Every structure is written in C-alpha cells, then in structure tokens.
Amino acid sequence: EKEKSIRKEVLLDALRAAILSACRKTFSNPDDIDVQINPRTADIQLFEKGKEVFRTDFGRIAAQTAKQVIIQKIREAERESVYNEFTRKEGDIVTGTVHWMDQKRIIVDFGKTEGILPAREQSPNDNYRQGDMIKVYVLEVKKTDRGPEVIVSRAHANLVKKLFELEVPEIRDRTVEIKSVAREVGSRTKIAVCSNDPKVDCVGSCVGMRGQRVKNIVREVGGEKIDIVRWNEDPEVYIRSA
C-alpha cells in the first residue's frame, strides 16, 4: 500500500479476485463459492452455498493463477494511481532525469513513470545528455494500454510563466500578477506584469536584487532573452512599454 501508493481497499479487492480465480480451478461448482475478507484484520473466509468451508488443497495451477491475478490487479491500480497523480500536475512544472533520446524525442524519467518530450516541444537552446536533471512543463496526460503517457514541453510559454511563479515570492502570494506571456522559443520571451499593491514594483520584483531572479530563469531556458513589461489597461501605454 505504501510502496505503490495504492489504497488498501484496492489491494483487498485484488486479493479477493485472486482467491476466487483459484477457486474456479479447484471447486467443481465455483459459482457457489464466495470469498469475504475482513478489511480491518485481513482475515479470509471461504463460503460454499453460504456455509463456511476450510480448504487447503489449492493446487499449484490455482495458486499460480491467483498470483497472476494479484500482479495484474496491482499493476492496473498502480497505473491508475500514477495517471491520477500526473493529471493533477497538468499545467505545472515537474523535474525528472533524461533517460534516453533520439532525433524525435527525449524520454524523461520521473521515477514512477516516464514522460515524452517531443522534438516540437524542445528548445533549440537545450543540450541535454543522458542522466541530466531536466525541468519540464506537463502538457497532457493520456491513458494507454501500457499505462499513462505523459507529454511534456520545454517550448511552451507557460514554462517561463511557471518558472517566474517558482522564483518570485510576490507572484506566488499574488502581490504581483502575470497578465500575459508571449514566447519565441530559443530567442525571446516577453512577460507582462502588474502589481496589486502600489508599494510593490512589479518589474523590480521579477528582476530581483542585481537581476538575480531573472538571471536564474534565463539560465534555466538556456540563455533565452526575457523582457519584463509593465502591463497597462491603456493599449497605447502598454504597447509602448512592450
């Protein structure tokens, strides 16, 4: 339960299904059989036509069938758990390790599952090797027969937006608000910001002391230029700033 992040109820259901499958290999009338597992103590009871029976003569084939059912059920539950976990991370940044790469994609290892970084979602400024740590933006999570497929990006404009949220406390506490982001990946990003507190300079907060905050983000995106623009409701003033 702890190792696979699977609820206890799911594991007990898998165990019950496994024992029932073993019963089908053992009893002449398996439809008369029911299995009950106490959720608190995990005690197992076997009933035939409503009467408890005690059988210890499950054969090797029945035991092997039960084992296969348990493994399959746990694998399905684990995939569902990973899918739910990464669905919650859609639109956010996650950190992984470069597992392997070719001309079409980079496979990112997240521990519990892998992410696919397609060529179209890569930045020309990036130059990763196998084993490197990598921050990526989660674009989409799909269900497949092989488990969840996590599509990630290094080219999306929201990657820069999320990096600012991680780097700038004033954005996290909503004192400074990101109004818009435009990005030509590998070349330049423009980010429009405003302040919800007249005492706080929105541009200065994003730049940081001696430009350290924005430098950290520029380093993360491989030297891509970042312009921080003061947003204004007046289009003429806003365009001039941009």
Protein backbone atom coordinates (compact mmCIF):
# COMPACT_ATOMS: atom_id res chain seq x y z
CA GLU A 1 0.00 0.00 0.00
CA LYS A 2 2.78 2.43 0.90
CA GLU A 3 5.27 1.35 -1.73
CA LYS A 4 2.85 1.50 -4.68
CA SER A 5 0.62 4.34 -3.36
CA ILE A 6 -2.42 2.08 -3.77
CA ARG A 7 -5.39 2.19 -1.40
CA LYS A 8 -5.78 -0.81 0.93
CA GLU A 9 -9.33 -1.44 -0.36
CA VAL A 10 -7.98 -1.91 -3.89
CA LEU A 11 -5.40 -4.43 -2.67
CA LEU A 12 -8.00 -6.40 -0.71
CA ASP A 13 -10.27 -6.46 -3.78
CA ALA A 14 -7.32 -7.79 -5.80
CA LEU A 15 -6.70 -10.49 -3.19
CA ARG A 16 -10.39 -11.48 -3.18
CA ALA A 17 -10.45 -11.69 -7.01
CA ALA A 18 -7.28 -13.81 -6.91
CA ILE A 19 -8.73 -16.30 -4.42
CA LEU A 20 -11.97 -16.56 -6.44
CA SER A 21 -9.93 -17.29 -9.57
CA ALA A 22 -8.08 -20.04 -7.65
CA CYS A 23 -11.45 -21.45 -6.53
CA ARG A 24 -12.54 -21.76 -10.15
CA LYS A 25 -9.56 -24.04 -10.72
CA THR A 26 -10.34 -26.12 -7.62
CA PHE A 27 -14.08 -26.38 -6.94
CA SER A 28 -16.47 -28.30 -9.17
CA ASN A 29 -19.18 -25.61 -8.79
CA PRO A 30 -17.29 -22.30 -8.50
CA ASP A 31 -20.50 -20.27 -8.87
CA ASP A 32 -21.49 -21.47 -5.40
CA ILE A 33 -18.32 -20.01 -3.89
CA ASP A 34 -17.95 -16.63 -2.18
CA VAL A 35 -14.90 -15.09 -0.52
CA GLN A 36 -15.02 -12.43 2.18
CA ILE A 37 -12.04 -10.51 3.57
CA ASN A 38 -12.24 -8.55 6.80
CA PRO A 39 -11.00 -5.04 5.89
CA ARG A 40 -9.62 -4.44 9.40
CA THR A 41 -7.91 -7.76 10.19
CA ALA A 42 -7.50 -9.10 6.60
CA ASP A 43 -8.91 -12.46 7.80
CA ILE A 44 -10.16 -14.51 4.84
CA GLN A 45 -13.33 -16.62 4.88
CA LEU A 46 -14.49 -19.02 2.17
CA PHE A 47 -18.17 -19.89 1.75
CA GLU A 48 -19.85 -22.58 -0.33
CA LYS A 49 -23.61 -22.10 -0.71
CA GLY A 50 -23.50 -19.73 2.26
CA LYS A 51 -21.71 -22.17 4.57
CA GLU A 52 -18.11 -21.53 5.63
CA VAL A 53 -15.68 -24.18 4.42
CA PHE A 54 -11.99 -24.76 5.10
CA ARG A 55 -9.98 -25.92 2.09
CA THR A 56 -6.21 -26.22 1.98
CA ASP A 57 -5.94 -28.22 -1.22
CA PHE A 58 -5.41 -25.43 -3.74
CA GLY A 59 -3.10 -26.85 -6.37
CA ARG A 60 -0.05 -25.30 -7.96
CA ILE A 61 -2.02 -24.12 -11.02
CA ALA A 62 -4.69 -22.49 -8.86
CA ALA A 63 -2.03 -20.76 -6.76
CA GLN A 64 -0.20 -19.56 -9.90
CA THR A 65 -3.49 -18.22 -11.30
CA ALA A 66 -4.12 -16.33 -8.06
CA LYS A 67 -0.64 -14.85 -8.16
CA GLN A 68 -1.09 -13.65 -11.75
CA VAL A 69 -4.43 -12.03 -10.89
CA ILE A 70 -2.90 -10.18 -7.92
CA ILE A 71 0.04 -8.92 -10.03
CA GLN A 72 -2.31 -7.76 -12.81
CA LYS A 73 -4.71 -6.01 -10.41
CA ILE A 74 -1.85 -4.24 -8.62
CA ARG A 75 -0.34 -3.17 -11.94
CA GLU A 76 -3.68 -1.73 -13.06
CA ALA A 77 -4.16 0.08 -9.74
CA GLU A 78 -0.61 1.44 -9.88
CA ARG A 79 -1.18 2.79 -13.40
CA GLU A 80 -4.41 4.43 -12.26
CA SER A 81 -2.62 5.98 -9.25
CA VAL A 82 0.17 7.38 -11.47
CA TYR A 83 -2.40 8.66 -14.00
CA ASN A 84 -4.33 10.49 -11.28
CA GLU A 85 -1.13 11.93 -9.79
CA PHE A 86 0.13 13.36 -13.09
CA THR A 87 -3.32 14.54 -14.19
CA ARG A 88 -3.19 16.85 -11.17
CA LYS A 89 0.19 18.11 -12.41
CA GLU A 90 -1.09 19.12 -15.87
CA GLY A 91 -0.15 22.76 -16.42
CA ASP A 92 2.66 22.63 -13.88
CA ILE A 93 6.44 22.08 -13.82
CA VAL A 94 7.94 18.73 -12.80
CA THR A 95 11.58 17.66 -12.53
CA GLY A 96 12.93 14.42 -13.96
CA THR A 97 16.04 12.80 -15.41
CA VAL A 98 16.92 12.36 -19.08
CA HIS A 99 16.57 8.60 -19.64
CA TRP A 100 17.37 8.35 -23.35
CA MET A 101 16.91 10.38 -26.51
CA ASP A 102 16.80 10.24 -30.28
CA GLN A 103 16.03 12.75 -33.06
CA LYS A 104 12.27 12.57 -32.45
CA ARG A 105 12.01 12.77 -28.67
CA ILE A 106 13.58 12.73 -25.22
CA ILE A 107 12.32 10.25 -22.63
CA VAL A 108 12.24 11.77 -19.13
CA ASP A 109 12.28 9.50 -16.08
CA PHE A 110 10.02 10.69 -13.22
CA GLY A 111 10.57 7.60 -11.06
CA LYS A 112 7.02 6.22 -11.11
CA THR A 113 6.58 6.78 -14.83
CA GLU A 114 8.22 8.33 -17.89
CA GLY A 115 7.45 11.50 -19.85
CA ILE A 116 7.79 12.11 -23.58
CA LEU A 117 9.40 15.37 -24.71
CA PRO A 118 8.71 15.51 -28.49
CA ALA A 119 11.10 17.36 -30.83
CA ARG A 120 8.43 20.03 -31.49
CA GLU A 121 8.31 20.81 -27.74
CA GLN A 122 12.08 21.16 -27.32
CA SER A 123 14.04 24.41 -27.22
CA PRO A 124 16.94 24.87 -29.65
CA ASN A 125 18.93 26.25 -26.70
CA ASP A 126 18.75 22.99 -24.77
CA ASN A 127 21.54 20.45 -24.94
CA TYR A 128 20.85 17.53 -22.63
CA ARG A 129 22.72 14.30 -22.06
CA GLN A 130 21.59 11.02 -20.56
CA GLY A 131 21.36 11.36 -16.76
CA ASP A 132 20.90 15.16 -16.74
CA MET A 133 18.23 16.71 -14.50
CA ILE A 134 15.51 18.45 -16.52
CA LYS A 135 12.56 20.70 -15.68
CA VAL A 136 9.57 20.29 -17.97
CA TYR A 137 6.02 21.62 -18.30
CA VAL A 138 3.30 18.94 -18.23
CA LEU A 139 1.16 19.43 -21.34
CA GLU A 140 -1.10 16.38 -21.34
CA VAL A 141 -1.61 13.02 -19.64
CA LYS A 142 -3.20 10.22 -21.70
CA LYS A 143 -4.43 6.75 -20.74
CA THR A 144 -2.95 3.93 -22.83
CA ASP A 145 -2.85 0.13 -22.62
CA ARG A 146 0.77 0.43 -21.46
CA GLY A 147 -0.09 2.88 -18.71
CA PRO A 148 -0.23 6.69 -18.52
CA GLU A 149 1.54 8.63 -21.28
CA VAL A 150 2.83 11.99 -20.05
CA ILE A 151 3.53 14.58 -22.78
CA VAL A 152 5.84 17.38 -21.60
CA SER A 153 7.28 20.58 -23.08
CA ARG A 154 10.29 22.86 -22.86
CA ALA A 155 8.92 25.22 -25.55
CA HIS A 156 5.57 26.24 -24.08
CA ALA A 157 5.18 29.87 -22.95
CA ASN A 158 3.72 28.66 -19.65
CA LEU A 159 7.06 27.03 -18.79
CA VAL A 160 8.51 30.54 -18.37
CA LYS A 161 5.39 31.68 -16.51
CA LYS A 162 5.67 28.80 -14.04
CA LEU A 163 9.41 29.43 -13.59
CA PHE A 164 8.59 33.00 -12.55
CA GLU A 165 6.00 31.68 -10.10
CA LEU A 166 8.65 29.41 -8.56
CA GLU A 167 11.32 32.12 -8.46
CA VAL A 168 9.33 35.21 -7.39
CA PRO A 169 7.56 35.10 -3.97
CA GLU A 170 5.47 38.18 -4.86
CA ILE A 171 3.90 36.23 -7.73
CA ARG A 172 3.19 33.21 -5.53
CA ASP A 173 1.39 35.36 -2.94
CA ARG A 174 -0.46 37.25 -5.75
CA THR A 175 1.01 40.65 -4.88
CA VAL A 176 2.38 40.68 -8.44
CA GLU A 177 0.23 39.26 -11.24
CA ILE A 178 1.35 37.87 -14.59
CA LYS A 179 -1.08 39.24 -17.17
CA SER A 180 0.32 37.64 -20.31
CA VAL A 181 3.28 35.75 -21.75
CA ALA A 182 4.49 35.62 -25.36
CA ARG A 183 7.38 33.43 -26.42
CA GLU A 184 9.55 32.77 -29.45
CA VAL A 185 11.25 29.68 -28.07
CA GLY A 186 15.03 29.85 -28.10
CA SER A 187 15.02 33.58 -28.90
CA ARG A 188 12.93 35.79 -26.62
CA THR A 189 10.08 35.79 -24.11
CA LYS A 190 8.05 38.84 -23.13
CA ILE A 191 6.13 38.71 -19.86
CA ALA A 192 3.61 41.40 -18.87
CA VAL A 193 3.15 42.01 -15.14
CA CYS A 194 1.27 44.34 -12.84
CA SER A 195 1.21 44.96 -9.09
CA ASN A 196 -1.83 44.61 -6.82
CA ASP A 197 0.00 46.63 -4.15
CA PRO A 198 1.05 50.23 -5.03
CA LYS A 199 4.07 49.86 -2.70
CA VAL A 200 5.46 46.93 -4.70
CA ASP A 201 7.28 47.43 -8.01
CA CYS A 202 6.14 44.56 -10.24
CA VAL A 203 9.10 44.74 -12.65
CA GLY A 204 11.65 45.10 -9.86
CA SER A 205 10.19 42.08 -8.05
CA CYS A 206 10.58 39.92 -11.15
CA VAL A 207 14.10 41.17 -11.89
CA GLY A 208 15.30 40.70 -8.31
CA MET A 209 18.33 42.08 -6.50
CA ARG A 210 21.08 42.65 -9.10
CA GLY A 211 18.86 40.83 -11.58
CA GLN A 212 19.36 37.50 -9.81
CA ARG A 213 15.79 36.22 -10.12
CA VAL A 214 15.50 36.77 -13.85
CA LYS A 215 19.08 35.50 -14.37
CA ASN A 216 18.12 32.18 -12.76
CA ILE A 217 15.21 31.82 -15.20
CA VAL A 218 17.32 32.85 -18.20
CA ARG A 219 19.86 30.19 -17.19
CA GLU A 220 17.09 27.57 -16.96
CA VAL A 221 15.88 28.36 -20.51
CA GLY A 222 19.38 28.23 -21.99
CA GLY A 223 20.12 31.94 -22.30
CA GLU A 224 16.84 32.92 -23.97
CA LYS A 225 16.26 36.69 -23.60
CA ILE A 226 13.44 37.68 -21.24
CA ASP A 227 11.76 41.10 -21.36
CA ILE A 228 9.62 42.06 -18.36
CA VAL A 229 6.94 44.54 -19.46
CA ARG A 230 4.79 46.70 -17.19
CA TRP A 231 1.15 45.95 -18.09
CA ASN A 232 -1.30 48.81 -18.53
CA GLU A 233 -5.03 48.96 -19.31
CA ASP A 234 -4.33 51.72 -21.85
CA PRO A 235 -3.25 49.89 -25.06
CA GLU A 236 -1.11 52.83 -26.19
CA VAL A 237 0.91 52.87 -22.95
CA TYR A 238 1.08 49.04 -22.87
CA ILE A 239 2.29 48.76 -26.48
CA ARG A 240 4.90 51.45 -25.92
CA SER A 241 6.21 49.52 -22.89
CA ALA A 242 6.32 46.31 -24.88
